[in-house]
Every structure is written in structure tokens, then in C-alpha cells.
Amino acid sequence: MADPKGFMTTPRQDWPRRPVEERVGDWDEVYVPGALLPIISKQADRCMDCGIPFCHDACPLGNLIPEWNDLVSREDWRAAADRLHATNNFPEFTGRLCPAPCEAGCVLAINQPAVTIKNVECAIADRAWEDGFTPPRPPDRLSGRTVAVIGSGPTGLAAAQQLTRAGHTVAVYEKDDRIGGLMRYGIPEFKMEKHHLERRIEQMRAEGTKFRTSTAVGRDIGAAELRSRHDAIVIATGATAWRELPVAGRELTGIQQAMEYLPLANRVCEGDLETSPMSAAGKHVVIVGGGDTGADCLGTAVREGAASVTQLDIYAQPGAARDEDAEPWPTYPKIYRLSAAHEEARELETAPAADADARLFAASTLRFTGDADGHVRSLHLTEVDAGRRPLPGTGRELPADLVLLALGFSGPDRGDGLIDQLGLAMEPRGTITRDAGFATNVPGVFAAGDAARGQSLIVWAIAEGRAVAAAVDGYLTGSSRLPAPISPFDRPMTV
């Protein structure tokens, strides 16, 4: 630690966001450009010499947080980038998209605001690219073994990069027309501009990874044929089977899944479309689901010019501070948080008039009603208690021209036939069965990420990609020097 009293003398300062009126007029990232680096060294100084860094355990990747905090505080950016990339292939992604369970585990967070670990990570990653500290790292020699990675989200990309660097010939198969999975078409541009993704893809190409887009394994190429071409297969297709809302009126038009809506807005940003055919412009929008995907829909609808936006969360509004009895440190607390999207909806008065927040907590959808043409016009809801039971006399009706369902995902989509063609065993909850070495019941076929773990965080996805790469490397060569940060049976301590 460069400053032993930094945590006592320096208050927490987060990366400032651009003014709401400015940022909702474009799709650029919400943060003030260039405002992070001037403050980040002093923020890194707040990292304590705590002795037992619980932030390590809170991070699935085992990031060496105190080490790179110290290096940033001394402005040794090259060494900081080396320590960060030793455990994380894509820190510019996690530095923008991860909810930072590491900060919940920060020892300073016991009685003070935690170190801005996520901001420090993002600053290191961006500085590393600016200063050329992230050159391609192709292998010295090839192993002669080939691996197919199915899916190009964070799990698939992390696995592919690790296996390529180990000397294997890796081909990534992606059903969409561009690489990136949910990072490409599920994460809005205002949360992560896609040039960060493109930069990593070009690095991976230079290292030797091959990419096959617009190729749905099981439909465009048979699973058996793919198995015959490669010595091993990694299934990293994610959990894309969305959950439904089985209530009266669901058949009305204008009720869409979040992952039908968000990709179209991203395609507008990519230049594929002039406007989204599901645009929220001028509409009363209701989002069912209180998680991050719902917040992404919220920010997107605001930028498209929605007349109003309401987000329904079935859980009660959490408190402003950690509940020490129910969620003691260092667990990840469920507290009231105001994301950039929620801030935008509140300040632009697109939230319900009686509420300061676009969210309605402890709210459950009862039914939808529509007009004579069969288009949704209203959503009927009720308040619920802690057991999700309706509270009498609390029913109300919201205008709704566009309803977006953001209820999460149950497991991998089986529509392409991949799982059935390979004959993979499945868990009752809809995920792929695997053993302690990430291996499925089919020899040479491995499963990682949300497809086998269930819907989770980007940091868990990257950790699983790195770990499955070590397992595949060991399968192909008899042993592996690749790091394996987690077991497939690890469960998050903090989320």
C-alpha cells in the first residue's frame, strides 16, 4: 500500500456519469470520458493492508486485487496490467458489466464505503490498451489438437483464448452474425460500447483463434459432424431459454421478451437498422422483472423516446443499508441501488407520476387487456407480501402499449438440436449435466458457463471459461498448466 492512511484520508469517488439530458440523447457509455484516470490512483490508495483480502474470495476469478491496487497507486500501469490479466482475460468487460461482488467483500466495507475496485480494474484495462500492454500472445508451437467452442459469449471467448494460447487449434462457432453472444446483442451500447469487444476479437484472431459466425451447431452443421472434426468440444451456449409469464392476455401483440427487444436496439447501433421495429418511441412501456436485464430495457426505452416506463419488481424494496443479521459482511447485500437507467427515468419523469423511481416493488402481474385489434393496452397488477401472495385491495392498472418480459433464463435453448443430437444428460432445472472436470456424459464434450451453471454473472462466466479450458487441455495432453480458478460445483458466496 502506497499510502497507509489512504482509507482514512481519501473519500470514495466513483467514475462520474454524464448529465442525464446529454447521455439519453446518444448511445455512448454513460460515464464522463477521461474522468476516471485523474482520480483512480488516489482511489487505489484506499486499499487497506487488511492482511486477509476477502475481496479475493468474493471474486470468482481470484483477482489479485490488493496487488494491482498498490501498483495503480504507484502508477505502475504495466505491472498492474500484467497482474490483472494473470487472472482475467477480459477486464474491460468486467470493469463495466460486473456488479462487483469483490467490493462487497472489501474489508473497508465493514464500516466505510468500499474501495472502488471495479473502477480501478476498468482503468487498468483501458490504460493497458492505450499504452500497448495487451499485444497478441500466440503460442510458441501448436499441439496438433483441435477444439470446437460453441458459443462466443464471455465463457466461450475465455475458453477459446486460453486453449489457443496453450497451443491448440480452436474454432468458435456462433449462431449470430457477429461474435460476442449476449455482450453483443444483449448488453446495450450505453453500458459497454462494442469497440471494446471488437478489440479483443481482433487480438484473438491474431493469436490464432478462428471464428465461424452465422453457424448454429445442430442446424447449420450437425453435432456429429462437428464432433468428428475436433478432438474436443466445449459447449458455452449460455442460458438463452427465457422464462415465460403464463397469465391471461399473454397472447396479445405488443408483449415481447426482453431478448427479442434488446438485440434490435443494438442492431440499430451496429448500423443494420435505421430504427427498431419494436421501438418504444411514444409508447407506455411496462417491464416485468426487476433485474439487470429489465434495467437494460429501461435505459433503452428511455433513449428511444418512450412516453412512460415502469419496471415491476416482485420483491419488496430493499433498504438503503446492509441487513447485518440476514446478509452479514462479506456477503453481497441486497440493498437499494439506483442504476444509470433508473436515474435517467427518474430525472426525465418517465417513471410513474406518484413514484420517484421507475420501479414498482412488491408488484405482481395479474393479467393483460387489449384493444379490438388484439394489441396490449393495459397491465393489471397487485401488490404482494413477502411470500408473493396478493394483498387484497391493492390492485391497479397501468397503461401499456409495449410490455417487455425480463424474467430471466432457465437454461440452454434446445431449439437448434445440439443437445439432443449429442445425447447430453440434463439436470432437472434444464442445465447440462457435467462432472467435477466439466465433462458431460459424452466423451470429449465439455460444458461451461450458464449452459451448465445456470444464469449467472459475467465474472462467473469468464471464470468458468478459464477453468474448462484447463480441463480440456488436461484431457488432450494429460496435464495442464492453465489456471483453473473454480470447480464447476463452486457456488457464489456473495451473489
Protein backbone atom coordinates (compact mmCIF):
# COMPACT_ATOMS: atom_id res chain seq x y z
CA MET A 1 0.00 0.00 0.00
CA ALA A 2 1.49 3.30 -1.11
CA ASP A 3 -0.43 5.36 1.45
CA PRO A 4 -1.07 3.54 4.76
CA LYS A 5 -3.63 6.19 5.73
CA GLY A 6 -5.33 6.49 2.36
CA PHE A 7 -8.52 4.79 3.50
CA MET A 8 -8.81 7.35 6.32
CA THR A 9 -7.96 10.48 4.37
CA THR A 10 -9.48 9.86 0.92
CA PRO A 11 -13.25 9.50 0.47
CA ARG A 12 -14.68 7.13 -2.11
CA GLN A 13 -15.14 8.77 -5.51
CA ASP A 14 -16.82 6.87 -8.32
CA TRP A 15 -16.39 7.38 -12.05
CA PRO A 16 -18.80 10.28 -12.71
CA ARG A 17 -21.68 9.83 -15.11
CA ARG A 18 -22.51 12.30 -17.85
CA PRO A 19 -25.54 14.54 -17.29
CA VAL A 20 -28.78 12.68 -17.90
CA GLU A 21 -30.00 15.14 -20.54
CA GLU A 22 -26.82 14.60 -22.51
CA ARG A 23 -26.45 10.85 -22.32
CA VAL A 24 -30.04 9.92 -23.17
CA GLY A 25 -29.56 11.70 -26.48
CA ASP A 26 -26.99 9.17 -27.66
CA TRP A 27 -25.93 5.54 -27.17
CA ASP A 28 -22.44 6.24 -25.85
CA GLU A 29 -21.34 4.91 -22.47
CA VAL A 30 -22.88 6.80 -19.57
CA TYR A 31 -19.55 7.82 -17.96
CA VAL A 32 -17.65 11.06 -18.46
CA PRO A 33 -14.81 10.26 -20.90
CA GLY A 34 -11.37 10.80 -19.45
CA ALA A 35 -12.66 11.45 -15.93
CA LEU A 36 -11.53 8.14 -14.42
CA LEU A 37 -7.74 8.19 -14.75
CA PRO A 38 -7.20 11.50 -12.89
CA ILE A 39 -8.90 10.14 -9.76
CA ILE A 40 -8.07 6.46 -9.80
CA SER A 41 -4.59 6.44 -8.23
CA LYS A 42 -5.91 8.11 -5.07
CA GLN A 43 -8.84 5.71 -5.04
CA ALA A 44 -6.46 2.76 -5.24
CA ASP A 45 -4.63 4.29 -2.25
CA ARG A 46 -7.72 3.50 -0.17
CA CYS A 47 -6.94 -0.23 -0.37
CA MET A 48 -6.01 -1.30 3.17
CA ASP A 49 -3.22 -3.57 4.32
CA CYS A 50 -6.02 -5.79 5.63
CA GLY A 51 -3.98 -8.98 5.99
CA ILE A 52 -6.72 -11.30 4.71
CA PRO A 53 -8.15 -9.83 1.49
CA PHE A 54 -11.71 -11.13 1.42
CA CYS A 55 -12.08 -9.49 -1.98
CA HIS A 56 -10.11 -12.47 -3.34
CA ASP A 57 -12.75 -14.92 -2.14
CA ALA A 58 -15.59 -12.69 -3.27
CA CYS A 59 -14.20 -12.68 -6.83
CA PRO A 60 -14.72 -15.96 -8.74
CA LEU A 61 -11.63 -15.18 -10.80
CA GLY A 62 -9.46 -14.77 -7.72
CA ASN A 63 -8.29 -11.41 -8.99
CA LEU A 64 -5.14 -10.16 -7.25
CA ILE A 65 -6.91 -7.01 -6.15
CA PRO A 66 -4.62 -5.65 -3.41
CA GLU A 67 -1.60 -6.19 -5.68
CA TRP A 68 -2.90 -4.22 -8.60
CA ASN A 69 -4.40 -1.59 -6.32
CA ASP A 70 -0.93 -1.00 -4.92
CA LEU A 71 0.60 -0.85 -8.40
CA VAL A 72 -2.03 1.64 -9.60
CA SER A 73 -1.49 3.82 -6.54
CA ARG A 74 2.19 3.94 -7.57
CA GLU A 75 1.12 4.46 -11.24
CA ASP A 76 2.98 1.36 -12.41
CA TRP A 77 0.44 0.63 -15.13
CA ARG A 78 2.37 -2.07 -16.97
CA ALA A 79 2.84 -4.20 -13.86
CA ALA A 80 -0.78 -3.58 -12.86
CA ALA A 81 -1.95 -4.76 -16.29
CA ASP A 82 0.17 -7.91 -16.00
CA ARG A 83 -1.28 -8.77 -12.59
CA LEU A 84 -4.83 -8.09 -13.75
CA HIS A 85 -4.54 -10.15 -16.93
CA ALA A 86 -2.98 -13.01 -14.99
CA THR A 87 -6.43 -13.88 -13.70
CA ASN A 88 -8.90 -12.17 -16.08
CA ASN A 89 -8.91 -12.37 -19.86
CA PHE A 90 -11.34 -9.51 -20.33
CA PRO A 91 -11.11 -6.92 -17.53
CA GLU A 92 -12.54 -4.18 -19.73
CA PHE A 93 -15.78 -6.24 -19.84
CA THR A 94 -15.99 -6.99 -16.13
CA GLY A 95 -14.88 -3.45 -15.28
CA ARG A 96 -18.06 -2.23 -16.97
CA LEU A 97 -20.56 -5.07 -16.53
CA CYS A 98 -19.79 -6.95 -13.32
CA PRO A 99 -21.84 -5.99 -10.21
CA ALA A 100 -18.59 -6.07 -8.22
CA PRO A 101 -19.07 -8.74 -5.55
CA CYS A 102 -15.43 -8.01 -4.71
CA GLU A 103 -16.47 -4.63 -3.29
CA ALA A 104 -19.00 -6.29 -1.00
CA GLY A 105 -16.11 -8.40 0.33
CA CYS A 106 -13.76 -5.45 0.80
CA VAL A 107 -12.66 -5.25 4.45
CA LEU A 108 -13.08 -1.49 4.33
CA ALA A 109 -16.78 -2.09 3.57
CA ILE A 110 -17.36 -3.28 7.12
CA ASN A 111 -17.89 0.30 8.23
CA GLN A 112 -16.98 2.55 5.28
CA PRO A 113 -17.65 2.77 1.54
CA ALA A 114 -15.62 0.05 -0.18
CA VAL A 115 -12.62 0.62 -2.41
CA THR A 116 -13.73 1.36 -5.99
CA ILE A 117 -12.29 -1.96 -7.16
CA LYS A 118 -14.42 -2.14 -10.31
CA ASN A 119 -13.34 1.34 -11.41
CA VAL A 120 -9.68 0.55 -10.75
CA GLU A 121 -10.00 -2.62 -12.83
CA CYS A 122 -11.58 -0.72 -15.72
CA ALA A 123 -8.90 1.97 -15.58
CA ILE A 124 -6.11 -0.62 -15.73
CA ALA A 125 -7.72 -2.38 -18.68
CA ASP A 126 -8.29 0.81 -20.66
CA ARG A 127 -4.81 2.13 -19.90
CA ALA A 128 -3.30 -1.21 -20.95
CA TRP A 129 -4.91 -0.90 -24.38
CA GLU A 130 -3.89 2.74 -24.74
CA ASP A 131 -0.27 2.02 -23.84
CA GLY A 132 0.06 -1.20 -25.85
CA PHE A 133 0.32 -3.57 -22.88
CA THR A 134 -2.05 -6.14 -24.41
CA PRO A 135 -0.35 -7.47 -27.56
CA PRO A 136 -1.50 -10.79 -29.06
CA ARG A 137 0.09 -13.82 -27.40
CA PRO A 138 0.14 -16.59 -30.00
CA PRO A 139 1.53 -19.95 -28.83
CA ASP A 140 5.15 -20.85 -29.47
CA ARG A 141 4.11 -24.14 -31.06
CA LEU A 142 0.91 -25.97 -31.92
CA SER A 143 -0.21 -29.15 -30.20
CA GLY A 144 -1.84 -30.68 -33.26
CA ARG A 145 -5.14 -30.94 -31.36
CA THR A 146 -8.32 -29.14 -32.37
CA VAL A 147 -11.15 -27.83 -30.20
CA ALA A 148 -14.58 -26.51 -31.14
CA VAL A 149 -16.10 -23.92 -28.82
CA ILE A 150 -19.83 -23.48 -29.32
CA GLY A 151 -20.92 -20.01 -28.25
CA SER A 152 -19.00 -16.74 -28.26
CA GLY A 153 -20.13 -15.13 -25.03
CA PRO A 154 -17.65 -14.48 -22.21
CA THR A 155 -17.36 -18.18 -21.32
CA GLY A 156 -16.70 -19.27 -24.89
CA LEU A 157 -14.26 -16.46 -25.61
CA ALA A 158 -12.31 -17.04 -22.39
CA ALA A 159 -12.09 -20.77 -23.06
CA ALA A 160 -11.06 -20.18 -26.66
CA GLN A 161 -8.34 -17.70 -25.76
CA GLN A 162 -6.86 -19.92 -23.07
CA LEU A 163 -6.87 -23.01 -25.30
CA THR A 164 -5.40 -21.11 -28.24
CA ARG A 165 -2.59 -19.79 -26.07
CA ALA A 166 -1.96 -23.35 -24.89
CA GLY A 167 -1.24 -24.32 -28.50
CA HIS A 168 -4.48 -25.93 -29.61
CA THR A 169 -6.26 -25.01 -32.81
CA VAL A 170 -9.58 -23.51 -31.75
CA ALA A 171 -12.66 -22.67 -33.78
CA VAL A 172 -15.50 -20.70 -32.18
CA TYR A 173 -18.97 -21.35 -33.61
CA GLU A 174 -21.58 -18.60 -33.15
CA LYS A 175 -25.17 -18.76 -34.40
CA ASP A 176 -25.47 -14.96 -34.71
CA ASP A 177 -23.87 -12.91 -37.46
CA ARG A 178 -21.35 -11.31 -35.09
CA ILE A 179 -19.18 -12.60 -32.28
CA GLY A 180 -19.96 -11.73 -28.67
CA GLY A 181 -23.13 -13.52 -27.58
CA LEU A 182 -25.12 -11.51 -25.05
CA MET A 183 -22.30 -8.97 -24.84
CA ARG A 184 -23.01 -8.15 -28.49
CA TYR A 185 -26.78 -8.17 -28.69
CA GLY A 186 -27.95 -8.28 -25.07
CA ILE A 187 -25.86 -5.57 -23.43
CA PRO A 188 -26.85 -2.06 -24.57
CA GLU A 189 -24.22 0.19 -26.09
CA PHE A 190 -24.59 2.69 -23.25
CA LYS A 191 -23.32 0.07 -20.81
CA MET A 192 -20.44 -1.15 -22.98
CA GLU A 193 -19.51 0.25 -26.35
CA LYS A 194 -18.80 -2.57 -28.74
CA HIS A 195 -15.37 -1.35 -29.79
CA HIS A 196 -14.12 -2.93 -26.54
CA LEU A 197 -15.41 -6.27 -27.80
CA GLU A 198 -14.06 -5.81 -31.32
CA ARG A 199 -10.61 -5.06 -29.93
CA ARG A 200 -10.48 -8.37 -28.04
CA ILE A 201 -11.78 -10.32 -31.02
CA GLU A 202 -9.00 -8.92 -33.21
CA GLN A 203 -6.45 -9.82 -30.54
CA MET A 204 -7.79 -13.39 -30.51
CA ARG A 205 -7.70 -13.60 -34.31
CA ALA A 206 -4.06 -12.52 -34.24
CA GLU A 207 -3.35 -15.25 -31.70
CA GLY A 208 -4.85 -17.87 -33.99
CA THR A 209 -8.43 -18.37 -32.84
CA LYS A 210 -10.83 -19.00 -35.73
CA PHE A 211 -14.39 -17.67 -35.72
CA ARG A 212 -17.37 -19.14 -37.56
CA THR A 213 -20.39 -16.84 -37.43
CA SER A 214 -23.97 -17.49 -38.61
CA THR A 215 -23.44 -21.16 -37.79
CA ALA A 216 -25.93 -22.84 -35.48
CA VAL A 217 -24.48 -26.17 -34.43
CA GLY A 218 -27.23 -28.77 -34.68
CA ARG A 219 -28.93 -26.97 -37.54
CA ASP A 220 -26.35 -25.49 -39.95
CA ILE A 221 -23.81 -28.17 -39.08
CA GLY A 222 -24.65 -31.45 -37.40
CA ALA A 223 -23.30 -32.10 -33.94
CA ALA A 224 -21.92 -35.49 -35.02
CA GLU A 225 -20.05 -33.91 -37.91
CA LEU A 226 -18.56 -31.28 -35.62
CA ARG A 227 -17.54 -33.98 -33.16
CA SER A 228 -15.76 -35.86 -35.94
CA ARG A 229 -13.79 -32.76 -36.94
CA HIS A 230 -12.42 -31.93 -33.49
CA ASP A 231 -10.67 -33.64 -30.63
CA ALA A 232 -12.83 -31.90 -28.05
CA ILE A 233 -15.92 -29.70 -27.87
CA VAL A 234 -16.76 -27.00 -25.34
CA ILE A 235 -20.44 -26.09 -25.08
CA ALA A 236 -20.74 -22.48 -23.96
CA THR A 237 -24.06 -21.52 -25.48
CA GLY A 238 -25.32 -19.70 -22.41
CA ALA A 239 -28.76 -19.90 -20.82
CA THR A 240 -30.97 -18.41 -23.51
CA ALA A 241 -34.24 -20.26 -22.84
CA TRP A 242 -36.24 -17.37 -21.44
CA ARG A 243 -38.87 -17.72 -18.75
CA GLU A 244 -42.48 -17.04 -19.64
CA LEU A 245 -45.32 -15.24 -17.86
CA PRO A 246 -48.39 -17.51 -18.03
CA VAL A 247 -51.18 -15.03 -17.30
CA ALA A 248 -54.36 -14.11 -19.11
CA GLY A 249 -53.77 -11.91 -22.14
CA ARG A 250 -50.23 -13.09 -22.80
CA GLU A 251 -51.22 -13.81 -26.41
CA LEU A 252 -51.80 -10.11 -27.16
CA THR A 253 -49.42 -8.44 -29.56
CA GLY A 254 -47.01 -5.91 -28.10
CA ILE A 255 -45.86 -8.26 -25.33
CA GLN A 256 -42.26 -9.20 -26.07
CA GLN A 257 -39.39 -10.96 -24.40
CA ALA A 258 -36.52 -8.68 -23.37
CA MET A 259 -34.16 -10.63 -25.60
CA GLU A 260 -36.42 -10.02 -28.57
CA TYR A 261 -36.36 -6.30 -27.87
CA LEU A 262 -32.76 -5.53 -26.84
CA PRO A 263 -30.97 -7.07 -29.87
CA LEU A 264 -32.92 -4.84 -32.23
CA ALA A 265 -31.73 -1.69 -30.47
CA ASN A 266 -28.17 -3.00 -30.66
CA ARG A 267 -28.59 -3.65 -34.36
CA VAL A 268 -29.60 -0.02 -34.81
CA CYS A 269 -26.30 0.94 -33.12
CA GLU A 270 -24.46 -1.51 -35.39
CA GLY A 271 -25.98 0.20 -38.44
CA ASP A 272 -28.05 -2.81 -39.51
CA LEU A 273 -31.36 -1.00 -38.97
CA GLU A 274 -32.40 2.62 -39.17
CA THR A 275 -34.96 2.18 -36.40
CA SER A 276 -36.04 -0.77 -34.29
CA PRO A 277 -39.33 -2.40 -35.36
CA MET A 278 -40.09 -2.73 -31.62
CA SER A 279 -39.13 0.85 -30.77
CA ALA A 280 -40.63 2.25 -27.59
CA ALA A 281 -40.98 5.73 -29.11
CA GLY A 282 -44.14 7.41 -27.86
CA LYS A 283 -45.34 4.28 -26.04
CA HIS A 284 -46.24 3.50 -22.48
CA VAL A 285 -43.77 0.74 -21.60
CA VAL A 286 -44.02 -1.73 -18.74
CA ILE A 287 -41.09 -4.02 -17.95
CA VAL A 288 -41.87 -7.15 -15.94
CA GLY A 289 -38.78 -8.18 -14.00
CA GLY A 290 -36.61 -6.23 -11.58
CA GLY A 291 -33.13 -7.42 -12.56
CA ASP A 292 -30.33 -6.04 -14.71
CA THR A 293 -31.98 -7.12 -17.98
CA GLY A 294 -35.04 -5.14 -17.01
CA ALA A 295 -32.85 -2.11 -16.27
CA ASP A 296 -31.23 -2.53 -19.70
CA CYS A 297 -34.70 -2.44 -21.27
CA LEU A 298 -35.47 0.64 -19.21
CA GLY A 299 -32.44 2.59 -20.41
CA THR A 300 -33.10 1.52 -23.98
CA ALA A 301 -36.77 2.57 -23.87
CA VAL A 302 -35.83 5.97 -22.45
CA ARG A 303 -33.36 6.55 -25.31
CA GLU A 304 -35.97 5.51 -27.85
CA GLY A 305 -38.35 8.18 -26.53
CA ALA A 306 -40.91 6.22 -24.53
CA ALA A 307 -43.86 8.22 -23.18
CA SER A 308 -43.52 6.44 -19.83
CA VAL A 309 -41.58 3.49 -18.46
CA THR A 310 -42.44 1.36 -15.44
CA GLN A 311 -40.44 -1.62 -14.16
CA LEU A 312 -42.16 -4.21 -11.97
CA ASP A 313 -40.13 -6.00 -9.29
CA ILE A 314 -41.88 -8.78 -7.39
CA TYR A 315 -39.57 -8.32 -4.42
CA ALA A 316 -40.07 -5.68 -1.75
CA GLN A 317 -37.96 -2.55 -1.94
CA PRO A 318 -34.70 -3.25 -0.11
CA GLY A 319 -33.28 -0.94 2.50
CA ALA A 320 -30.51 1.58 1.96
CA ALA A 321 -28.06 -0.27 4.22
CA ARG A 322 -26.96 -3.87 4.66
CA ASP A 323 -29.09 -6.06 6.95
CA GLU A 324 -26.35 -7.32 9.24
CA ASP A 325 -28.47 -10.20 10.53
CA ALA A 326 -29.69 -11.54 7.18
CA GLU A 327 -26.71 -10.56 4.99
CA PRO A 328 -23.64 -10.02 7.15
CA TRP A 329 -20.40 -8.84 5.64
CA PRO A 330 -18.80 -10.11 3.37
CA THR A 331 -21.91 -11.44 1.61
CA TYR A 332 -23.30 -9.44 -1.30
CA PRO A 333 -26.10 -7.35 0.20
CA LYS A 334 -29.47 -6.76 -1.38
CA ILE A 335 -29.71 -3.01 -0.91
CA TYR A 336 -31.48 -0.23 -2.77
CA ARG A 337 -29.38 0.72 -5.78
CA LEU A 338 -30.05 3.34 -8.44
CA SER A 339 -28.56 2.32 -11.77
CA ALA A 340 -27.83 4.80 -14.54
CA ALA A 341 -31.05 3.75 -16.28
CA HIS A 342 -33.16 4.26 -13.16
CA GLU A 343 -31.56 7.66 -12.66
CA GLU A 344 -32.47 8.60 -16.22
CA ALA A 345 -36.10 7.52 -15.89
CA ARG A 346 -36.48 9.45 -12.64
CA GLU A 347 -34.91 12.69 -13.81
CA LEU A 348 -36.76 12.68 -17.12
CA GLU A 349 -40.06 11.98 -15.36
CA THR A 350 -40.80 8.88 -17.42
CA ALA A 351 -41.43 6.97 -14.19
CA PRO A 352 -44.94 6.66 -12.72
CA ALA A 353 -46.03 10.11 -11.59
CA ALA A 354 -46.59 9.08 -7.99
CA ASP A 355 -43.19 7.47 -7.63
CA ALA A 356 -39.66 8.81 -7.57
CA ASP A 357 -38.44 5.55 -9.10
CA ALA A 358 -39.41 3.80 -12.32
CA ARG A 359 -39.69 0.59 -10.29
CA LEU A 360 -42.80 -0.64 -8.55
CA PHE A 361 -41.66 -3.04 -5.85
CA ALA A 362 -43.63 -5.98 -4.44
CA ALA A 363 -45.73 -5.95 -7.62
CA SER A 364 -47.08 -8.99 -9.44
CA THR A 365 -48.77 -9.11 -12.84
CA LEU A 366 -52.32 -10.46 -12.82
CA ARG A 367 -53.34 -10.15 -16.48
CA PHE A 368 -53.16 -8.10 -19.67
CA THR A 369 -56.02 -6.49 -21.55
CA GLY A 370 -56.01 -5.19 -25.10
CA ASP A 371 -57.96 -3.35 -27.77
CA ALA A 372 -60.20 -4.67 -30.51
CA ASP A 373 -57.19 -5.33 -32.73
CA GLY A 374 -55.64 -7.64 -30.16
CA HIS A 375 -52.87 -5.27 -29.08
CA VAL A 376 -52.00 -4.89 -25.43
CA ARG A 377 -53.19 -1.66 -23.81
CA SER A 378 -53.14 -2.33 -20.07
CA LEU A 379 -51.36 -4.38 -17.46
CA HIS A 380 -53.23 -5.28 -14.27
CA LEU A 381 -51.15 -5.84 -11.15
CA THR A 382 -51.41 -6.33 -7.44
CA GLU A 383 -49.09 -5.76 -4.52
CA VAL A 384 -47.76 -8.91 -2.83
CA ASP A 385 -46.43 -9.80 0.60
CA ALA A 386 -43.06 -11.41 1.36
CA GLY A 387 -44.46 -14.78 0.33
CA ARG A 388 -45.58 -13.35 -3.03
CA ARG A 389 -49.24 -13.65 -2.03
CA PRO A 390 -51.59 -10.93 -3.38
CA LEU A 391 -52.65 -8.26 -0.92
CA PRO A 392 -56.41 -7.58 -1.11
CA GLY A 393 -57.40 -4.15 -2.29
CA THR A 394 -54.04 -3.29 -3.86
CA GLY A 395 -54.89 -3.95 -7.50
CA ARG A 396 -54.17 -1.28 -10.07
CA GLU A 397 -53.97 -0.85 -13.82
CA LEU A 398 -51.09 0.57 -15.84
CA PRO A 399 -51.28 1.80 -19.43
CA ALA A 400 -49.13 -0.47 -21.56
CA ASP A 401 -48.56 -0.23 -25.30
CA LEU A 402 -45.36 -2.29 -25.05
CA VAL A 403 -44.68 -4.92 -22.39
CA LEU A 404 -41.20 -6.39 -22.02
CA LEU A 405 -40.69 -9.64 -20.11
CA ALA A 406 -37.35 -9.75 -18.30
CA LEU A 407 -37.87 -12.78 -16.09
CA GLY A 408 -34.52 -14.49 -16.53
CA PHE A 409 -33.49 -17.71 -18.22
CA SER A 410 -33.90 -21.38 -17.30
CA GLY A 411 -31.09 -22.98 -19.30
CA PRO A 412 -29.76 -23.50 -22.82
CA ASP A 413 -32.16 -23.28 -25.75
CA ARG A 414 -32.70 -26.73 -27.25
CA GLY A 415 -34.27 -25.49 -30.47
CA ASP A 416 -31.15 -25.97 -32.62
CA GLY A 417 -30.94 -29.68 -31.79
CA LEU A 418 -27.37 -29.60 -30.43
CA ILE A 419 -28.18 -31.13 -27.05
CA ASP A 420 -30.41 -33.87 -28.43
CA GLN A 421 -28.04 -34.75 -31.27
CA LEU A 422 -25.15 -35.21 -28.85
CA GLY A 423 -27.34 -37.08 -26.38
CA LEU A 424 -26.32 -34.90 -23.45
CA ALA A 425 -27.69 -35.64 -20.00
CA MET A 426 -29.63 -32.77 -18.47
CA GLU A 427 -30.37 -31.59 -14.96
CA PRO A 428 -34.00 -31.27 -13.79
CA ARG A 429 -33.64 -27.49 -13.79
CA GLY A 430 -32.78 -27.50 -17.51
CA THR A 431 -28.99 -27.18 -17.49
CA ILE A 432 -26.40 -29.57 -18.93
CA THR A 433 -25.09 -32.23 -16.54
CA ARG A 434 -21.32 -32.29 -16.01
CA ASP A 435 -18.82 -33.78 -13.58
CA ALA A 436 -16.07 -32.22 -11.46
CA GLY A 437 -13.91 -31.84 -14.57
CA PHE A 438 -16.57 -30.01 -16.63
CA ALA A 439 -17.05 -33.20 -18.70
CA THR A 440 -20.51 -34.22 -19.88
CA ASN A 441 -21.70 -37.80 -20.29
CA VAL A 442 -20.36 -37.73 -23.87
CA PRO A 443 -16.58 -38.35 -24.09
CA GLY A 444 -14.66 -35.30 -25.28
CA VAL A 445 -17.60 -32.93 -24.79
CA PHE A 446 -17.41 -30.36 -22.01
CA ALA A 447 -19.93 -27.80 -20.77
CA ALA A 448 -19.30 -24.48 -19.07
CA GLY A 449 -20.91 -21.17 -18.26
CA ASP A 450 -24.62 -20.51 -17.99
CA ALA A 451 -25.49 -23.54 -20.16
CA ALA A 452 -24.36 -25.79 -17.31
CA ARG A 453 -24.23 -23.47 -14.33
CA GLY A 454 -27.48 -21.63 -14.87
CA GLN A 455 -27.98 -17.91 -15.31
CA SER A 456 -25.14 -16.10 -13.54
CA LEU A 457 -22.74 -13.17 -13.71
CA ILE A 458 -20.16 -12.27 -16.34
CA VAL A 459 -17.35 -12.78 -13.84
CA TRP A 460 -18.53 -16.35 -13.22
CA ALA A 461 -18.78 -16.88 -16.98
CA ILE A 462 -15.16 -15.88 -17.55
CA ALA A 463 -14.01 -17.95 -14.57
CA GLU A 464 -15.82 -20.99 -15.98
CA GLY A 465 -14.28 -20.39 -19.40
CA ARG A 466 -10.79 -20.35 -17.92
CA ALA A 467 -11.48 -23.42 -15.79
CA VAL A 468 -12.99 -25.50 -18.59
CA ALA A 469 -10.00 -24.61 -20.77
CA ALA A 470 -7.69 -26.14 -18.16
CA ALA A 471 -9.89 -29.26 -18.05
CA VAL A 472 -9.89 -29.63 -21.85
CA ASP A 473 -6.13 -29.02 -22.03
CA GLY A 474 -5.61 -31.77 -19.46
CA TYR A 475 -7.91 -34.10 -21.40
CA LEU A 476 -5.99 -33.52 -24.62
CA THR A 477 -2.44 -33.60 -23.25
CA GLY A 478 -2.59 -35.50 -19.96
CA SER A 479 -1.81 -32.45 -17.84
CA SER A 480 -2.29 -28.70 -17.96
CA ARG A 481 -0.50 -25.59 -16.83
CA LEU A 482 -3.52 -23.42 -17.46
CA PRO A 483 -5.04 -21.93 -14.30
CA ALA A 484 -8.38 -23.35 -13.13
CA PRO A 485 -9.85 -20.69 -10.84
CA ILE A 486 -13.00 -22.60 -9.88
CA SER A 487 -14.61 -26.01 -9.62
CA PRO A 488 -17.86 -26.49 -11.56
CA PHE A 489 -19.54 -27.15 -8.23
CA ASP A 490 -18.50 -23.84 -6.72
CA ARG A 491 -21.43 -21.62 -5.92
CA PRO A 492 -21.20 -17.89 -5.40
CA MET A 493 -20.63 -16.90 -1.79
CA THR A 494 -21.63 -13.33 -2.41
CA VAL A 495 -24.36 -13.34 -5.07
